[in-house]
Every structure is written in C-alpha cells, then in structure tokens.
Amino acid sequence: MFGRRWALRILWELRDGTLGFRPLQQRCDGMSSSVLHQRLTELRESRLVERDAGDGYRLTPLGEGACDELRGLHLWAEGWAAELDRVLPDRPGPAS
C-alpha cells in the first residue's frame, strides 16, 4: 500500500486532522480527483483512513501509527539534508 503513488502523501496530509475531499486534493498539489478517490478507497480498505460523519477523511488509529513512523523518517530526512548542506554548500537546491 505504501508504495502506491500518493498514498504516503495522503496519510501525511491527514496527520493533523480531518479534511474534506477538495481541501485534501489541494494539499496534494491538485492531484486528479480520480486518483485521489482511488487512493482513499484503498486506504479505507486497508483501515488506515476512515470517513467521518461530516463527509471528511481522517486517520484511523492504524493510520495514526503509520504517521508516527513517518514523522521519524521526516526528522531523519531533515537532518540528512542539513548535513548535505553543510558538506556540500554549493549543491543546487530542489528548485534549480
């Protein structure tokens, strides 16, 4: 499931709380609605995401656990990037 395109991004965007379909789509850089719908269906079937009564999407306890693990990877990646900047200060950034 985590290898599917956009799956981790959707989980990451839901880490701070419930989002409706359109706000979630906007946070995911405007991915197509068909892809978002498909990924949300897969994440719901995997018990990582659920719908709330207000028609939004939120993480389940299993999804929250996955995001806790992603936070660790995120922190590691920030340290890695800082180390690369320290060792290779003239390397081009992501926008270059």
Protein backbone atom coordinates (compact mmCIF):
# COMPACT_ATOMS: atom_id res chain seq x y z
CA MET A 1 0.00 0.00 0.00
CA PHE A 2 2.72 2.48 0.92
CA GLY A 3 4.41 2.03 -2.44
CA ARG A 4 1.37 3.30 -4.33
CA ARG A 5 1.80 6.78 -5.70
CA TRP A 6 0.29 9.45 -3.42
CA ALA A 7 -0.62 7.03 -0.59
CA LEU A 8 2.01 8.35 1.83
CA ARG A 9 1.26 11.94 0.87
CA ILE A 10 -2.42 11.47 1.68
CA LEU A 11 -1.58 9.99 5.07
CA TRP A 12 0.86 12.83 5.74
CA GLU A 13 -1.71 15.50 4.86
CA LEU A 14 -4.26 13.91 7.20
CA ARG A 15 -1.81 13.82 10.13
CA ASP A 16 -3.21 16.99 11.72
CA GLY A 17 -6.89 16.15 11.42
CA THR A 18 -9.90 15.63 9.22
CA LEU A 19 -10.04 17.08 5.71
CA GLY A 20 -12.75 17.09 3.10
CA PHE A 21 -12.08 15.78 -0.40
CA ARG A 22 -11.36 19.15 -2.06
CA PRO A 23 -9.07 20.53 0.69
CA LEU A 24 -7.18 17.23 0.68
CA GLN A 25 -6.86 17.39 -3.10
CA GLN A 26 -5.48 20.94 -2.84
CA ARG A 27 -2.93 19.92 -0.20
CA CYS A 28 -1.81 17.11 -2.50
CA ASP A 29 -0.84 19.62 -5.19
CA GLY A 30 -4.12 19.25 -7.05
CA MET A 31 -3.81 15.55 -7.90
CA SER A 32 -6.59 14.30 -10.12
CA SER A 33 -9.87 13.56 -8.39
CA SER A 34 -9.96 10.05 -9.85
CA VAL A 35 -6.54 9.17 -8.40
CA LEU A 36 -7.43 10.68 -5.03
CA HIS A 37 -10.70 8.77 -4.95
CA GLN A 38 -8.89 5.52 -5.78
CA ARG A 39 -6.20 6.03 -3.15
CA LEU A 40 -8.75 6.96 -0.50
CA THR A 41 -10.70 3.81 -1.32
CA GLU A 42 -7.53 1.72 -0.96
CA LEU A 43 -6.54 3.45 2.28
CA ARG A 44 -10.03 2.91 3.69
CA GLU A 45 -9.95 -0.77 2.71
CA SER A 46 -6.56 -1.02 4.43
CA ARG A 47 -8.09 0.50 7.58
CA LEU A 48 -5.67 3.44 7.58
CA VAL A 49 -8.25 6.12 6.72
CA GLU A 50 -11.93 6.47 7.50
CA ARG A 51 -14.73 8.89 6.68
CA ASP A 52 -16.27 10.93 9.42
CA ALA A 53 -19.91 11.92 9.82
CA GLY A 54 -19.26 15.26 8.11
CA ASP A 55 -18.02 13.62 4.88
CA GLY A 56 -14.36 14.29 5.62
CA TYR A 57 -11.45 11.88 5.79
CA ARG A 58 -9.35 11.18 8.86
CA LEU A 59 -6.72 8.74 10.03
CA THR A 60 -7.74 5.65 11.95
CA PRO A 61 -5.61 4.57 14.92
CA LEU A 62 -3.63 2.38 12.48
CA GLY A 63 -3.15 5.38 10.19
CA GLU A 64 -2.02 7.50 13.13
CA GLY A 65 0.55 4.83 13.97
CA ALA A 66 1.84 4.92 10.40
CA CYS A 67 2.16 8.71 10.58
CA ASP A 68 4.06 8.44 13.85
CA GLU A 69 6.60 6.31 12.00
CA LEU A 70 6.67 8.75 9.07
CA ARG A 71 7.47 11.60 11.46
CA GLY A 72 10.65 9.77 12.43
CA LEU A 73 11.63 9.41 8.79
CA HIS A 74 10.80 13.08 8.21
CA LEU A 75 13.08 14.14 11.08
CA TRP A 76 15.87 11.94 9.77
CA ALA A 77 15.47 13.42 6.27
CA GLU A 78 15.73 16.96 7.63
CA GLY A 79 18.97 16.05 9.41
CA TRP A 80 20.30 14.39 6.28
CA ALA A 81 19.51 17.48 4.17
CA ALA A 82 21.20 19.73 6.74
CA GLU A 83 24.29 17.52 6.68
CA LEU A 84 24.40 17.64 2.88
CA ASP A 85 24.09 21.43 3.00
CA ARG A 86 26.96 21.56 5.50
CA VAL A 87 29.25 19.28 3.50
CA LEU A 88 28.19 20.39 0.01
CA PRO A 89 27.14 24.05 0.46
CA ASP A 90 27.16 24.78 -3.27
CA ARG A 91 24.85 21.92 -4.28
CA PRO A 92 21.81 23.08 -6.24
CA GLY A 93 18.54 23.18 -4.34
CA PRO A 94 15.34 21.43 -5.43
CA ALA A 95 14.16 24.42 -7.48
CA SER A 96 17.40 24.67 -9.51
